[in-house]
Amino acid sequence: MKNVLTALVLLFAATSISAAGSLEGKGPIGELEFKEYCAGCHPNGGNRRNPKKPLGKKSLEGGDIKTVQGIVAKIRNPGPGMTRFDKEAISDKEATEIAEYILKTF
């Protein structure tokens, strides 16, 4: 029984270290944050509230959003229907990672 408990503790520790490593820049942080904050309204880069405005390059450029800074500005001061995320809700670093993920992925 003691060996089983030791093995479980070691497995848990290894899993925790692995997860922490991915959150420290070794994994897709922007993707994880996008899933946490954005995917509910923008699944797969779409837009549940306004399907005519997905997160694809063509749509973003049509709204004059062409850069990471443009997406961060939209996160901070969105139009009607989108939740506003201030710096207390999403840090500048997180917002930048989300924006980079959006530009790279959609």
C-alpha atoms as a PDB file:
ATOM      1  CA  MET A   1       0.000   0.000   0.000  1.00  0.00           C
ATOM      2  CA  LYS A   2       2.853   2.370   0.831  1.00  0.00           C
ATOM      3  CA  ASN A   3       4.391   1.806  -2.634  1.00  0.00           C
ATOM      4  CA  VAL A   4       1.064   2.605  -4.303  1.00  0.00           C
ATOM      5  CA  LEU A   5       0.749   5.860  -2.358  1.00  0.00           C
ATOM      6  CA  THR A   6       4.335   6.799  -3.190  1.00  0.00           C
ATOM      7  CA  ALA A   7       3.710   6.101  -6.878  1.00  0.00           C
ATOM      8  CA  LEU A   8       0.542   8.217  -6.843  1.00  0.00           C
ATOM      9  CA  VAL A   9       2.333  11.108  -5.153  1.00  0.00           C
ATOM     10  CA  LEU A  10       5.166  10.954  -7.697  1.00  0.00           C
ATOM     11  CA  LEU A  11       2.709  10.765 -10.591  1.00  0.00           C
ATOM     12  CA  PHE A  12       0.800  13.775  -9.265  1.00  0.00           C
ATOM     13  CA  ALA A  13       4.023  15.742  -8.798  1.00  0.00           C
ATOM     14  CA  ALA A  14       5.199  14.941 -12.337  1.00  0.00           C
ATOM     15  CA  THR A  15       1.825  15.937 -13.780  1.00  0.00           C
ATOM     16  CA  SER A  16       1.838  19.195 -11.817  1.00  0.00           C
ATOM     17  CA  ILE A  17       5.349  20.057 -12.955  1.00  0.00           C
ATOM     18  CA  SER A  18       4.423  19.291 -16.564  1.00  0.00           C
ATOM     19  CA  ALA A  19       1.319  21.491 -16.391  1.00  0.00           C
ATOM     20  CA  ALA A  20       3.223  24.305 -14.715  1.00  0.00           C
ATOM     21  CA  GLY A  21       5.891  24.118 -17.403  1.00  0.00           C
ATOM     22  CA  SER A  22       3.319  24.594 -20.149  1.00  0.00           C
ATOM     23  CA  LEU A  23       2.018  27.675 -18.389  1.00  0.00           C
ATOM     24  CA  GLU A  24       5.513  29.151 -18.235  1.00  0.00           C
ATOM     25  CA  GLY A  25       5.972  29.619 -21.967  1.00  0.00           C
ATOM     26  CA  LYS A  26       6.636  26.018 -22.966  1.00  0.00           C
ATOM     27  CA  GLY A  27       3.117  25.473 -24.231  1.00  0.00           C
ATOM     28  CA  PRO A  28       0.459  27.261 -26.230  1.00  0.00           C
ATOM     29  CA  ILE A  29      -0.400  29.912 -23.635  1.00  0.00           C
ATOM     30  CA  GLY A  30      -2.340  32.094 -26.072  1.00  0.00           C
ATOM     31  CA  GLU A  31      -4.471  29.136 -27.059  1.00  0.00           C
ATOM     32  CA  LEU A  32      -5.197  28.237 -23.432  1.00  0.00           C
ATOM     33  CA  GLU A  33      -6.137  31.816 -22.607  1.00  0.00           C
ATOM     34  CA  PHE A  34      -8.259  32.101 -25.761  1.00  0.00           C
ATOM     35  CA  LYS A  35     -10.157  28.980 -24.695  1.00  0.00           C
ATOM     36  CA  GLU A  36     -10.627  30.382 -21.193  1.00  0.00           C
ATOM     37  CA  TYR A  37     -11.751  33.907 -22.091  1.00  0.00           C
ATOM     38  CA  CYS A  38     -12.860  33.955 -25.727  1.00  0.00           C
ATOM     39  CA  ALA A  39     -13.944  30.578 -27.079  1.00  0.00           C
ATOM     40  CA  GLY A  40     -17.379  30.744 -25.466  1.00  0.00           C
ATOM     41  CA  CYS A  41     -18.385  33.495 -27.895  1.00  0.00           C
ATOM     42  CA  HIS A  42     -15.749  32.793 -30.588  1.00  0.00           C
ATOM     43  CA  PRO A  43     -15.659  28.987 -30.998  1.00  0.00           C
ATOM     44  CA  ASN A  44     -13.094  28.006 -33.625  1.00  0.00           C
ATOM     45  CA  GLY A  45     -12.638  31.694 -34.450  1.00  0.00           C
ATOM     46  CA  GLY A  46     -16.298  32.227 -35.238  1.00  0.00           C
ATOM     47  CA  ASN A  47     -18.668  34.665 -33.606  1.00  0.00           C
ATOM     48  CA  ARG A  48     -21.857  33.447 -31.914  1.00  0.00           C
ATOM     49  CA  ARG A  49     -23.279  36.923 -31.415  1.00  0.00           C
ATOM     50  CA  ASN A  50     -22.478  38.262 -34.868  1.00  0.00           C
ATOM     51  CA  PRO A  51     -21.626  35.488 -37.351  1.00  0.00           C
ATOM     52  CA  LYS A  52     -20.716  38.142 -39.945  1.00  0.00           C
ATOM     53  CA  LYS A  53     -17.721  39.139 -37.786  1.00  0.00           C
ATOM     54  CA  PRO A  54     -15.572  36.062 -37.148  1.00  0.00           C
ATOM     55  CA  LEU A  55     -11.925  36.300 -36.096  1.00  0.00           C
ATOM     56  CA  GLY A  56     -10.512  35.477 -39.524  1.00  0.00           C
ATOM     57  CA  LYS A  57      -7.965  37.738 -41.199  1.00  0.00           C
ATOM     58  CA  LYS A  58     -10.384  39.069 -43.819  1.00  0.00           C
ATOM     59  CA  SER A  59     -13.021  39.965 -41.243  1.00  0.00           C
ATOM     60  CA  LEU A  60     -10.531  41.560 -38.843  1.00  0.00           C
ATOM     61  CA  GLU A  61      -8.947  43.627 -41.600  1.00  0.00           C
ATOM     62  CA  GLY A  62     -12.429  44.721 -42.663  1.00  0.00           C
ATOM     63  CA  GLY A  63     -12.768  46.194 -39.179  1.00  0.00           C
ATOM     64  CA  ASP A  64      -9.312  47.768 -39.515  1.00  0.00           C
ATOM     65  CA  ILE A  65      -7.818  45.332 -37.013  1.00  0.00           C
ATOM     66  CA  LYS A  66      -4.520  44.173 -38.482  1.00  0.00           C
ATOM     67  CA  THR A  67      -2.102  43.899 -35.580  1.00  0.00           C
ATOM     68  CA  VAL A  68      -1.686  42.438 -32.122  1.00  0.00           C
ATOM     69  CA  GLN A  69      -2.163  45.949 -30.727  1.00  0.00           C
ATOM     70  CA  GLY A  70      -5.420  46.295 -32.675  1.00  0.00           C
ATOM     71  CA  ILE A  71      -6.805  43.100 -31.164  1.00  0.00           C
ATOM     72  CA  VAL A  72      -5.696  44.103 -27.665  1.00  0.00           C
ATOM     73  CA  ALA A  73      -7.446  47.454 -28.153  1.00  0.00           C
ATOM     74  CA  LYS A  74     -10.627  45.591 -29.149  1.00  0.00           C
ATOM     75  CA  ILE A  75     -10.332  43.349 -26.078  1.00  0.00           C
ATOM     76  CA  ARG A  76     -10.061  46.480 -23.907  1.00  0.00           C
ATOM     77  CA  ASN A  77     -12.723  48.542 -25.666  1.00  0.00           C
ATOM     78  CA  PRO A  78     -15.019  46.301 -27.725  1.00  0.00           C
ATOM     79  CA  GLY A  79     -18.065  47.207 -29.701  1.00  0.00           C
ATOM     80  CA  PRO A  80     -21.652  46.360 -28.810  1.00  0.00           C
ATOM     81  CA  GLY A  81     -22.269  42.766 -27.794  1.00  0.00           C
ATOM     82  CA  MET A  82     -18.718  41.886 -26.774  1.00  0.00           C
ATOM     83  CA  THR A  83     -17.603  41.594 -23.188  1.00  0.00           C
ATOM     84  CA  ARG A  84     -15.051  44.217 -22.141  1.00  0.00           C
ATOM     85  CA  PHE A  85     -11.884  42.835 -20.528  1.00  0.00           C
ATOM     86  CA  ASP A  86      -9.908  45.442 -18.589  1.00  0.00           C
ATOM     87  CA  LYS A  87      -6.359  44.920 -17.284  1.00  0.00           C
ATOM     88  CA  GLU A  88      -7.674  43.455 -14.043  1.00  0.00           C
ATOM     89  CA  ALA A  89      -9.582  40.746 -15.935  1.00  0.00           C
ATOM     90  CA  ILE A  90      -6.879  39.998 -18.538  1.00  0.00           C
ATOM     91  CA  SER A  91      -3.347  41.295 -18.084  1.00  0.00           C
ATOM     92  CA  ASP A  92      -1.535  43.036 -20.943  1.00  0.00           C
ATOM     93  CA  LYS A  93       0.672  39.960 -21.318  1.00  0.00           C
ATOM     94  CA  GLU A  94      -2.345  37.644 -21.544  1.00  0.00           C
ATOM     95  CA  ALA A  95      -4.138  39.953 -23.976  1.00  0.00           C
ATOM     96  CA  THR A  96      -1.038  40.033 -26.179  1.00  0.00           C
ATOM     97  CA  GLU A  97      -0.752  36.239 -26.109  1.00  0.00           C
ATOM     98  CA  ILE A  98      -4.423  35.902 -27.040  1.00  0.00           C
ATOM     99  CA  ALA A  99      -4.020  38.397 -29.888  1.00  0.00           C
ATOM    100  CA  GLU A 100      -0.944  36.602 -31.227  1.00  0.00           C
ATOM    101  CA  TYR A 101      -2.841  33.310 -31.113  1.00  0.00           C
ATOM    102  CA  ILE A 102      -5.790  34.824 -33.001  1.00  0.00           C
ATOM    103  CA  LEU A 103      -3.568  36.247 -35.747  1.00  0.00           C
ATOM    104  CA  LYS A 104      -1.619  33.014 -36.082  1.00  0.00           C
ATOM    105  CA  THR A 105      -4.613  30.667 -35.965  1.00  0.00           C
ATOM    106  CA  PHE A 106      -7.565  32.295 -37.673  1.00  0.00           C
END
